[in-house]
Protein backbone atom coordinates (compact mmCIF):
# COMPACT_ATOMS: atom_id res chain seq x y z
CA MET A 1 -40.38 15.37 -1.38
CA SER A 2 -39.52 12.97 1.62
CA ILE A 3 -38.54 10.16 -1.05
CA ARG A 4 -36.48 12.61 -2.60
CA ILE A 5 -34.66 13.52 0.54
CA VAL A 6 -34.27 9.94 1.16
CA SER A 7 -33.06 8.75 -2.41
CA ILE A 8 -30.53 11.72 -1.88
CA CYS A 9 -29.14 10.16 1.10
CA ALA A 10 -28.85 6.35 -0.11
CA VAL A 11 -27.29 7.97 -3.26
CA ALA A 12 -24.67 9.52 -0.95
CA LEU A 13 -24.10 6.87 1.70
CA ALA A 14 -23.66 4.11 -1.38
CA GLY A 15 -20.74 6.84 -3.02
CA LEU A 16 -19.15 7.25 0.82
CA LEU A 17 -19.30 3.13 1.15
CA LEU A 18 -17.43 2.37 -2.26
CA ALA A 19 -14.82 5.56 -1.57
CA SER A 20 -14.23 4.12 1.98
CA THR A 21 -13.44 0.49 0.45
CA VAL A 22 -11.46 1.97 -2.34
CA SER A 23 -9.17 3.71 0.41
CA LEU A 24 -8.88 0.39 2.47
CA ALA A 25 -7.38 -1.39 -0.47
CA GLY A 26 -4.32 -0.26 -0.05
CA GLU A 27 -1.83 2.33 -0.53
CA HIS A 28 0.45 2.22 -3.96
CA THR A 29 3.70 3.62 -3.27
CA SER A 30 7.35 3.22 -3.91
CA GLY A 31 11.07 3.36 -2.20
CA THR A 32 14.36 1.98 -2.04
CA ILE A 33 15.65 -0.98 -1.06
CA ILE A 34 18.52 0.71 1.81
CA ALA A 35 19.71 -2.83 3.23
CA VAL A 36 18.89 -7.04 2.32
CA ALA A 37 20.00 -9.38 5.21
CA GLU A 38 19.49 -12.60 5.45
CA ASP A 39 15.81 -12.58 6.66
CA VAL A 40 14.92 -9.13 6.81
CA VAL A 41 14.48 -6.38 3.90
CA THR A 42 14.84 -2.43 4.77
CA ILE A 43 12.77 -0.27 2.30
CA LYS A 44 13.01 3.59 2.59
CA GLY A 45 9.68 4.92 1.36
CA ASN A 46 9.28 7.89 -0.72
CA ASP A 47 7.53 9.40 2.37
CA GLY A 48 10.41 9.47 4.00
CA LYS A 49 9.54 6.29 6.35
CA GLU A 50 12.23 3.27 6.52
CA TYR A 51 10.26 -0.05 6.76
CA GLU A 52 11.70 -3.54 7.87
CA ILE A 53 9.96 -6.67 6.41
CA ALA A 54 10.60 -10.27 6.53
CA VAL A 55 12.04 -11.70 2.95
CA ALA A 56 9.19 -14.38 3.49
CA ASP A 57 6.92 -11.66 2.76
CA VAL A 58 8.53 -10.08 -0.37
CA VAL A 59 7.14 -11.22 -3.79
CA ALA A 60 10.13 -9.79 -5.62
CA GLU A 61 13.28 -11.85 -5.51
CA ASP A 62 17.21 -10.96 -6.32
CA LEU A 63 16.48 -7.68 -4.15
CA LYS A 64 19.58 -5.89 -3.71
CA THR A 65 20.72 -2.62 -2.19
CA GLY A 66 19.68 0.40 -4.29
CA ASP A 67 16.76 -1.29 -6.11
CA MET A 68 13.40 0.70 -6.52
CA VAL A 69 10.76 -1.12 -5.26
CA GLU A 70 6.96 -0.75 -5.63
CA TYR A 71 4.56 -1.97 -3.19
CA GLU A 72 0.96 -1.40 -1.16
CA ILE A 73 0.62 0.16 2.35
CA ALA A 74 -1.74 -2.37 4.65
CA GLU A 75 -2.20 -1.67 8.29
CA GLY A 76 1.09 0.82 8.40
CA ALA A 77 3.52 -1.86 6.56
CA PRO A 78 4.58 -2.86 3.01
CA VAL A 79 2.81 -5.73 1.17
CA ASN A 80 3.35 -7.20 -2.12
CA VAL A 81 6.64 -5.93 -3.14
CA LYS A 82 8.02 -5.71 -6.27
CA LYS A 83 10.80 -4.41 -8.48
CA LYS A 84 9.66 -0.99 -9.93
CA LYS A 85 9.65 -1.32 -14.04
């Protein structure tokens, strides 16, 4: 019986580790470009927050005010910013 309990705990732990790895991969979300300066792009996310990121960190080119974009949140900031298809 104790082997069965250990097996169940091992499976539960493996599931927990898998779920935490997926959640750390980044949250996909979208927003709208509200300002484009020479070196900074400002995005208003669908969550209502405004994010300022360096133009060098933007994957998409030719972004302009009003463009819809998709991105991931990593460490509280947008990454992999791309125009929404």
